Amino acid sequence: MPSACHSELQERELLMKKMKTANLLIITILIIVLLLFSAYIWPVIFQEGNPLPILWGLILLELTGRNLVAVADYKLIQKVGPETALSEYLAGYGWRLKDRLGAGIFYHRNNTELFIEARMFSRFYIIYELDMPLQIIMEES
C-alpha cells in the first residue's frame, strides 16, 4: 500500500510541476505578445503627445455632430474632408482664406497671417496645427 500512495504522490507532484511550467510558459508568451503589440501601437497612440485630449476630441466629433473640435491650444481636429469647416470656424473670427500650399493653409486678418499645418491623424481624422494659440485667433481685431 505505501508504494501506491507514494507513486500517486509522485504523479501529483509531476502533474503540478507540468502545470506550473505550462502556466509560466503561457504567461511568458502573453508578456512577449503584449510587449510586441505595445511596441507597434505605442507610436500610433502617442503620435500627438498625450492621447487623452485627442480621444476627447474624437468623442465630441462622433457624438455631438460637430465638424471641428479644439483639442489643445494649438490644435483642432475634424473628420476627413475639405477644410470648409475650418474656414467657416475661422471666418467667424474675421480670418479669411489666403492660400493653400500642400499641407499648409494660410489665413489672414488685417495685417496678421495665420499658418495652419494639416496632417492626417488616421484615415478618418485630420489634425490642424496652428502657429498661434486659439485665444489669440479668437480675439476680435
N, C-alpha and C. Protein backbone atom coordinates (compact mmCIF):
# COMPACT_ATOMS: atom_id res chain seq x y z
N MET A 1 0.80 -1.21 0.00
CA MET A 1 0.00 0.00 0.00
C MET A 1 0.84 1.27 0.00
N PRO A 2 1.89 1.31 0.82
CA PRO A 2 2.64 2.55 0.83
C PRO A 2 3.21 2.90 -0.54
N SER A 3 3.53 1.94 -1.34
CA SER A 3 4.09 2.25 -2.66
C SER A 3 3.03 2.85 -3.58
N ALA A 4 1.77 2.45 -3.45
CA ALA A 4 0.70 3.02 -4.27
C ALA A 4 0.48 4.48 -3.90
N CYS A 5 0.48 4.78 -2.61
CA CYS A 5 0.32 6.18 -2.17
C CYS A 5 1.52 7.00 -2.60
N HIS A 6 2.70 6.39 -2.47
CA HIS A 6 3.91 7.09 -2.84
C HIS A 6 3.93 7.40 -4.34
N SER A 7 3.52 6.45 -5.16
CA SER A 7 3.50 6.67 -6.60
C SER A 7 2.41 7.67 -6.99
N GLU A 8 1.30 7.66 -6.27
CA GLU A 8 0.23 8.64 -6.52
C GLU A 8 0.72 10.05 -6.19
N LEU A 9 1.46 10.17 -5.08
CA LEU A 9 2.04 11.47 -4.70
C LEU A 9 3.03 11.95 -5.75
N GLN A 10 3.85 11.05 -6.24
CA GLN A 10 4.83 11.41 -7.26
C GLN A 10 4.12 11.87 -8.54
N GLU A 11 3.04 11.18 -8.90
CA GLU A 11 2.28 11.58 -10.10
C GLU A 11 1.68 12.96 -9.92
N ARG A 12 1.13 13.23 -8.74
CA ARG A 12 0.54 14.56 -8.48
C ARG A 12 1.61 15.65 -8.51
N GLU A 13 2.76 15.36 -7.90
CA GLU A 13 3.85 16.33 -7.91
C GLU A 13 4.32 16.59 -9.34
N LEU A 14 4.43 15.54 -10.12
CA LEU A 14 4.83 15.69 -11.52
C LEU A 14 3.79 16.49 -12.30
N LEU A 15 2.51 16.20 -12.05
CA LEU A 15 1.44 16.95 -12.71
C LEU A 15 1.46 18.42 -12.31
N MET A 16 1.70 18.69 -11.02
CA MET A 16 1.78 20.08 -10.54
C MET A 16 2.95 20.81 -11.19
N LYS A 17 4.10 20.12 -11.32
CA LYS A 17 5.26 20.74 -11.97
C LYS A 17 4.95 21.06 -13.43
N LYS A 18 4.28 20.13 -14.12
CA LYS A 18 3.92 20.35 -15.52
C LYS A 18 2.95 21.53 -15.64
N MET A 19 1.99 21.62 -14.71
CA MET A 19 1.03 22.74 -14.75
C MET A 19 1.71 24.06 -14.48
N LYS A 20 2.65 24.08 -13.53
CA LYS A 20 3.40 25.31 -13.25
C LYS A 20 4.22 25.72 -14.46
N THR A 21 4.85 24.77 -15.09
CA THR A 21 5.65 25.04 -16.29
C THR A 21 4.76 25.57 -17.42
N ALA A 22 3.61 24.94 -17.60
CA ALA A 22 2.68 25.39 -18.65
C ALA A 22 2.17 26.79 -18.36
N ASN A 23 1.82 27.07 -17.11
CA ASN A 23 1.35 28.41 -16.73
C ASN A 23 2.44 29.45 -16.94
N LEU A 24 3.66 29.12 -16.55
CA LEU A 24 4.78 30.03 -16.74
C LEU A 24 5.02 30.30 -18.22
N LEU A 25 4.91 29.27 -19.04
CA LEU A 25 5.08 29.42 -20.48
C LEU A 25 3.99 30.31 -21.06
N ILE A 26 2.75 30.10 -20.66
CA ILE A 26 1.63 30.92 -21.15
C ILE A 26 1.82 32.38 -20.74
N ILE A 27 2.18 32.61 -19.50
CA ILE A 27 2.40 33.99 -19.02
C ILE A 27 3.54 34.65 -19.78
N THR A 28 4.62 33.91 -20.00
CA THR A 28 5.75 34.46 -20.75
C THR A 28 5.35 34.82 -22.17
N ILE A 29 4.61 33.94 -22.83
CA ILE A 29 4.15 34.22 -24.20
C ILE A 29 3.23 35.44 -24.22
N LEU A 30 2.32 35.54 -23.26
CA LEU A 30 1.43 36.70 -23.19
C LEU A 30 2.20 37.99 -22.98
N ILE A 31 3.22 37.96 -22.13
CA ILE A 31 4.03 39.16 -21.89
C ILE A 31 4.76 39.55 -23.16
N ILE A 32 5.32 38.58 -23.87
CA ILE A 32 6.03 38.88 -25.12
C ILE A 32 5.08 39.46 -26.16
N VAL A 33 3.91 38.87 -26.30
CA VAL A 33 2.91 39.39 -27.25
C VAL A 33 2.49 40.81 -26.86
N LEU A 34 2.26 41.04 -25.58
CA LEU A 34 1.88 42.37 -25.11
C LEU A 34 2.98 43.39 -25.38
N LEU A 35 4.23 43.02 -25.16
CA LEU A 35 5.34 43.93 -25.43
C LEU A 35 5.47 44.23 -26.92
N LEU A 36 5.33 43.22 -27.75
CA LEU A 36 5.39 43.45 -29.20
C LEU A 36 4.24 44.33 -29.67
N PHE A 37 3.04 44.05 -29.15
CA PHE A 37 1.87 44.86 -29.50
C PHE A 37 2.08 46.30 -29.06
N SER A 38 2.59 46.48 -27.84
CA SER A 38 2.84 47.83 -27.32
C SER A 38 3.88 48.56 -28.15
N ALA A 39 4.92 47.86 -28.55
CA ALA A 39 5.97 48.49 -29.36
C ALA A 39 5.42 48.94 -30.71
N TYR A 40 4.47 48.20 -31.25
CA TYR A 40 3.88 48.55 -32.54
C TYR A 40 2.84 49.66 -32.39
N ILE A 41 2.01 49.58 -31.37
CA ILE A 41 0.90 50.52 -31.19
C ILE A 41 1.33 51.81 -30.50
N TRP A 42 2.33 51.75 -29.64
CA TRP A 42 2.75 52.92 -28.84
C TRP A 42 2.95 54.18 -29.69
N PRO A 43 3.72 54.12 -30.78
CA PRO A 43 3.92 55.34 -31.57
C PRO A 43 2.62 55.89 -32.17
N VAL A 44 1.69 55.01 -32.50
CA VAL A 44 0.43 55.46 -33.08
C VAL A 44 -0.41 56.18 -32.03
N ILE A 45 -0.50 55.60 -30.85
CA ILE A 45 -1.32 56.19 -29.79
C ILE A 45 -0.75 57.53 -29.34
N PHE A 46 0.57 57.63 -29.24
CA PHE A 46 1.19 58.83 -28.71
C PHE A 46 1.79 59.73 -29.79
N GLN A 47 1.32 59.61 -31.03
CA GLN A 47 1.89 60.42 -32.11
C GLN A 47 1.65 61.91 -31.91
N GLU A 48 0.62 62.29 -31.19
CA GLU A 48 0.33 63.70 -30.93
C GLU A 48 0.59 64.07 -29.47
N GLY A 49 1.43 63.31 -28.78
CA GLY A 49 1.68 63.58 -27.37
C GLY A 49 0.65 62.87 -26.51
N ASN A 50 0.11 63.57 -25.55
CA ASN A 50 -0.90 62.99 -24.66
C ASN A 50 -2.14 62.62 -25.47
N PRO A 51 -2.55 61.35 -25.47
CA PRO A 51 -3.67 60.93 -26.30
C PRO A 51 -5.05 61.30 -25.73
N LEU A 52 -5.13 61.68 -24.46
CA LEU A 52 -6.44 61.94 -23.86
C LEU A 52 -7.19 63.12 -24.49
N PRO A 53 -6.54 64.27 -24.74
CA PRO A 53 -7.29 65.34 -25.41
C PRO A 53 -7.76 64.95 -26.82
N ILE A 54 -6.94 64.20 -27.52
CA ILE A 54 -7.33 63.75 -28.87
C ILE A 54 -8.52 62.80 -28.76
N LEU A 55 -8.46 61.88 -27.81
CA LEU A 55 -9.57 60.95 -27.61
C LEU A 55 -10.85 61.70 -27.27
N TRP A 56 -10.75 62.69 -26.40
CA TRP A 56 -11.92 63.50 -26.05
C TRP A 56 -12.46 64.24 -27.28
N GLY A 57 -11.56 64.77 -28.11
CA GLY A 57 -11.97 65.43 -29.34
C GLY A 57 -12.68 64.49 -30.29
N LEU A 58 -12.17 63.27 -30.41
CA LEU A 58 -12.81 62.28 -31.28
C LEU A 58 -14.20 61.93 -30.77
N ILE A 59 -14.33 61.80 -29.45
CA ILE A 59 -15.65 61.51 -28.87
C ILE A 59 -16.61 62.65 -29.16
N LEU A 60 -16.16 63.89 -29.00
CA LEU A 60 -17.02 65.04 -29.29
C LEU A 60 -17.41 65.08 -30.76
N LEU A 61 -16.47 64.80 -31.65
CA LEU A 61 -16.77 64.79 -33.08
C LEU A 61 -17.84 63.75 -33.40
N GLU A 62 -17.71 62.58 -32.84
CA GLU A 62 -18.62 61.49 -33.17
C GLU A 62 -19.99 61.62 -32.50
N LEU A 63 -20.03 62.11 -31.27
CA LEU A 63 -21.29 62.09 -30.53
C LEU A 63 -22.08 63.39 -30.57
N THR A 64 -21.43 64.51 -30.86
CA THR A 64 -22.15 65.78 -30.84
C THR A 64 -22.48 66.30 -32.23
N GLY A 65 -21.89 65.71 -33.25
CA GLY A 65 -22.17 66.18 -34.61
C GLY A 65 -21.39 67.43 -34.98
N ARG A 66 -20.45 67.83 -34.15
CA ARG A 66 -19.61 68.99 -34.50
C ARG A 66 -18.74 68.65 -35.70
N ASN A 67 -18.37 69.68 -36.44
CA ASN A 67 -17.49 69.49 -37.59
C ASN A 67 -16.03 69.66 -37.23
N LEU A 68 -15.77 70.42 -36.16
CA LEU A 68 -14.41 70.79 -35.79
C LEU A 68 -14.35 70.91 -34.28
N VAL A 69 -13.28 70.39 -33.67
CA VAL A 69 -13.16 70.42 -32.21
C VAL A 69 -11.74 70.86 -31.86
N ALA A 70 -11.62 71.77 -30.90
CA ALA A 70 -10.31 72.16 -30.38
C ALA A 70 -9.85 71.09 -29.39
N VAL A 71 -8.63 70.59 -29.58
CA VAL A 71 -8.11 69.56 -28.69
C VAL A 71 -6.92 70.05 -27.87
N ALA A 72 -6.42 71.24 -28.17
CA ALA A 72 -5.32 71.85 -27.43
C ALA A 72 -5.27 73.32 -27.84
N ASP A 73 -4.39 74.07 -27.21
CA ASP A 73 -4.27 75.50 -27.54
C ASP A 73 -3.88 75.73 -29.00
N TYR A 74 -3.14 74.80 -29.57
CA TYR A 74 -2.64 74.96 -30.93
C TYR A 74 -3.18 73.92 -31.90
N LYS A 75 -4.17 73.12 -31.49
CA LYS A 75 -4.63 72.03 -32.36
C LYS A 75 -6.14 71.95 -32.45
N LEU A 76 -6.61 71.65 -33.67
CA LEU A 76 -8.01 71.38 -33.95
C LEU A 76 -8.08 70.04 -34.66
N ILE A 77 -9.22 69.36 -34.55
CA ILE A 77 -9.38 68.08 -35.23
C ILE A 77 -10.74 68.06 -35.92
N GLN A 78 -10.79 67.43 -37.09
CA GLN A 78 -12.04 67.26 -37.82
C GLN A 78 -12.01 65.92 -38.54
N LYS A 79 -13.19 65.49 -38.99
CA LYS A 79 -13.25 64.29 -39.82
C LYS A 79 -12.65 64.61 -41.18
N VAL A 80 -12.19 63.59 -41.86
CA VAL A 80 -11.56 63.77 -43.16
C VAL A 80 -12.55 64.43 -44.12
N GLY A 81 -12.04 65.38 -44.87
CA GLY A 81 -12.85 66.10 -45.84
C GLY A 81 -12.21 67.45 -46.12
N PRO A 82 -12.87 68.27 -46.91
CA PRO A 82 -12.31 69.59 -47.21
C PRO A 82 -12.27 70.44 -45.94
N GLU A 83 -11.41 71.46 -45.97
CA GLU A 83 -11.25 72.31 -44.78
C GLU A 83 -12.31 73.40 -44.69
N THR A 84 -13.47 73.18 -45.27
CA THR A 84 -14.53 74.20 -45.18
C THR A 84 -14.96 74.42 -43.73
N ALA A 85 -14.98 73.37 -42.92
CA ALA A 85 -15.34 73.53 -41.51
C ALA A 85 -14.33 74.44 -40.82
N LEU A 86 -13.07 74.27 -41.13
CA LEU A 86 -12.02 75.13 -40.56
C LEU A 86 -12.18 76.56 -41.05
N SER A 87 -12.41 76.74 -42.34
CA SER A 87 -12.56 78.09 -42.90
C SER A 87 -13.78 78.80 -42.32
N GLU A 88 -14.89 78.07 -42.15
CA GLU A 88 -16.08 78.67 -41.55
C GLU A 88 -15.85 79.04 -40.09
N TYR A 89 -15.15 78.18 -39.37
CA TYR A 89 -14.83 78.44 -37.96
C TYR A 89 -14.00 79.71 -37.83
N LEU A 90 -12.94 79.79 -38.65
CA LEU A 90 -12.06 80.96 -38.58
C LEU A 90 -12.74 82.22 -39.12
N ALA A 91 -13.63 82.07 -40.10
CA ALA A 91 -14.34 83.23 -40.65
C ALA A 91 -15.20 83.88 -39.57
N GLY A 92 -15.67 83.11 -38.62
CA GLY A 92 -16.43 83.67 -37.51
C GLY A 92 -15.61 84.62 -36.66
N TYR A 93 -14.29 84.54 -36.74
CA TYR A 93 -13.40 85.44 -36.01
C TYR A 93 -12.67 86.42 -36.92
N GLY A 94 -13.14 86.53 -38.16
CA GLY A 94 -12.59 87.52 -39.08
C GLY A 94 -11.44 87.03 -39.95
N TRP A 95 -11.08 85.78 -39.89
CA TRP A 95 -9.99 85.26 -40.70
C TRP A 95 -10.50 84.84 -42.07
N ARG A 96 -9.73 85.13 -43.09
CA ARG A 96 -10.09 84.79 -44.47
C ARG A 96 -9.01 83.91 -45.08
N LEU A 97 -9.45 82.93 -45.85
CA LEU A 97 -8.52 82.03 -46.53
C LEU A 97 -7.69 82.82 -47.53
N LYS A 98 -6.39 82.67 -47.44
CA LYS A 98 -5.49 83.36 -48.35
C LYS A 98 -4.96 82.40 -49.42
N ASP A 99 -4.45 81.23 -48.99
CA ASP A 99 -3.85 80.30 -49.93
C ASP A 99 -3.70 78.93 -49.28
N ARG A 100 -3.56 77.94 -50.13
CA ARG A 100 -3.28 76.58 -49.66
C ARG A 100 -2.13 76.05 -50.48
N LEU A 101 -1.08 75.62 -49.79
CA LEU A 101 0.09 75.04 -50.45
C LEU A 101 0.38 73.69 -49.82
N GLY A 102 -0.04 72.62 -50.46
CA GLY A 102 0.17 71.28 -49.90
C GLY A 102 -0.57 71.13 -48.59
N ALA A 103 0.17 70.83 -47.54
CA ALA A 103 -0.43 70.65 -46.22
C ALA A 103 -0.54 71.97 -45.46
N GLY A 104 -0.03 73.03 -46.03
CA GLY A 104 -0.07 74.34 -45.38
C GLY A 104 -1.25 75.17 -45.85
N ILE A 105 -1.97 75.74 -44.88
CA ILE A 105 -3.13 76.59 -45.20
C ILE A 105 -2.85 77.95 -44.58
N PHE A 106 -3.02 79.00 -45.39
CA PHE A 106 -2.75 80.35 -44.92
C PHE A 106 -4.05 81.14 -44.83
N TYR A 107 -4.23 81.82 -43.70
CA TYR A 107 -5.36 82.71 -43.49
C TYR A 107 -4.80 84.07 -43.12
N HIS A 108 -5.62 85.11 -43.36
CA HIS A 108 -5.18 86.44 -42.95
C HIS A 108 -6.35 87.21 -42.36
N ARG A 109 -5.99 88.14 -41.48
CA ARG A 109 -6.95 89.07 -40.89
C ARG A 109 -6.18 90.36 -40.64
N ASN A 110 -6.65 91.43 -41.23
CA ASN A 110 -5.94 92.72 -41.17
C ASN A 110 -4.50 92.51 -41.63
N ASN A 111 -3.52 92.77 -40.80
CA ASN A 111 -2.12 92.60 -41.20
C ASN A 111 -1.50 91.35 -40.58
N THR A 112 -2.33 90.46 -40.07
CA THR A 112 -1.82 89.26 -39.40
C THR A 112 -2.06 88.05 -40.28
N GLU A 113 -1.05 87.20 -40.35
CA GLU A 113 -1.18 85.98 -41.13
C GLU A 113 -1.14 84.78 -40.19
N LEU A 114 -1.97 83.80 -40.48
CA LEU A 114 -2.06 82.57 -39.69
C LEU A 114 -1.69 81.40 -40.58
N PHE A 115 -0.73 80.60 -40.12
CA PHE A 115 -0.33 79.40 -40.86
C PHE A 115 -0.85 78.19 -40.11
N ILE A 116 -1.48 77.28 -40.85
CA ILE A 116 -2.02 76.05 -40.26
C ILE A 116 -1.49 74.87 -41.07
N GLU A 117 -0.95 73.90 -40.35
CA GLU A 117 -0.48 72.68 -40.99
C GLU A 117 -1.55 71.60 -40.83
N ALA A 118 -2.00 71.04 -41.95
CA ALA A 118 -2.99 69.96 -41.94
C ALA A 118 -2.24 68.64 -41.98
N ARG A 119 -2.63 67.72 -41.10
CA ARG A 119 -1.94 66.44 -41.01
C ARG A 119 -2.96 65.34 -40.75
N MET A 120 -2.83 64.24 -41.48
CA MET A 120 -3.71 63.10 -41.25
C MET A 120 -3.36 62.46 -39.91
N PHE A 121 -4.37 62.34 -39.03
CA PHE A 121 -4.17 61.65 -37.76
C PHE A 121 -4.41 60.16 -37.95
N SER A 122 -5.43 59.85 -38.70
CA SER A 122 -5.73 58.47 -39.10
C SER A 122 -6.44 58.60 -40.45
N ARG A 123 -6.92 57.52 -40.96
CA ARG A 123 -7.61 57.65 -42.25
C ARG A 123 -8.97 58.32 -42.11
N PHE A 124 -9.43 58.55 -40.88
CA PHE A 124 -10.73 59.16 -40.64
C PHE A 124 -10.67 60.59 -40.12
N TYR A 125 -9.52 61.06 -39.65
CA TYR A 125 -9.43 62.36 -38.99
C TYR A 125 -8.21 63.14 -39.44
N ILE A 126 -8.38 64.47 -39.43
CA ILE A 126 -7.30 65.41 -39.76
C ILE A 126 -7.05 66.27 -38.54
N ILE A 127 -5.78 66.51 -38.25
CA ILE A 127 -5.42 67.44 -37.18
C ILE A 127 -4.83 68.68 -37.83
N TYR A 128 -5.30 69.82 -37.38
CA TYR A 128 -4.77 71.10 -37.82
C TYR A 128 -3.92 71.66 -36.70
N GLU A 129 -2.66 71.95 -37.01
CA GLU A 129 -1.77 72.55 -36.03
C GLU A 129 -1.57 74.01 -36.40
N LEU A 130 -1.91 74.88 -35.47
CA LEU A 130 -1.88 76.32 -35.69
C LEU A 130 -0.55 76.91 -35.24
N ASP A 131 -0.15 78.02 -35.84
CA ASP A 131 1.10 78.63 -35.41
C ASP A 131 0.90 79.67 -34.31
N MET A 132 -0.32 79.85 -33.85
CA MET A 132 -0.59 80.72 -32.70
C MET A 132 -1.76 80.12 -31.91
N PRO A 133 -1.82 80.42 -30.62
CA PRO A 133 -2.88 79.79 -29.81
C PRO A 133 -4.28 80.26 -30.19
N LEU A 134 -5.25 79.42 -29.89
CA LEU A 134 -6.64 79.72 -30.23
C LEU A 134 -7.13 81.00 -29.57
N GLN A 135 -6.65 81.32 -28.37
CA GLN A 135 -7.10 82.54 -27.68
C GLN A 135 -6.79 83.78 -28.53
N ILE A 136 -5.62 83.79 -29.14
CA ILE A 136 -5.24 84.95 -29.98
C ILE A 136 -6.07 84.94 -31.27
N ILE A 137 -6.29 83.77 -31.83
CA ILE A 137 -7.07 83.66 -33.06
C ILE A 137 -8.50 84.14 -32.83
N MET A 138 -9.06 83.86 -31.65
CA MET A 138 -10.44 84.20 -31.37
C MET A 138 -10.63 85.64 -30.87
N GLU A 139 -9.55 86.36 -30.65
CA GLU A 139 -9.67 87.75 -30.26
C GLU A 139 -10.22 88.57 -31.41
N GLU A 140 -11.05 89.52 -31.07
CA GLU A 140 -11.57 90.42 -32.10
C GLU A 140 -10.48 91.37 -32.55
N SER A 141 -10.44 91.63 -33.85
CA SER A 141 -9.40 92.53 -34.38
C SER A 141 -9.81 93.97 -34.25
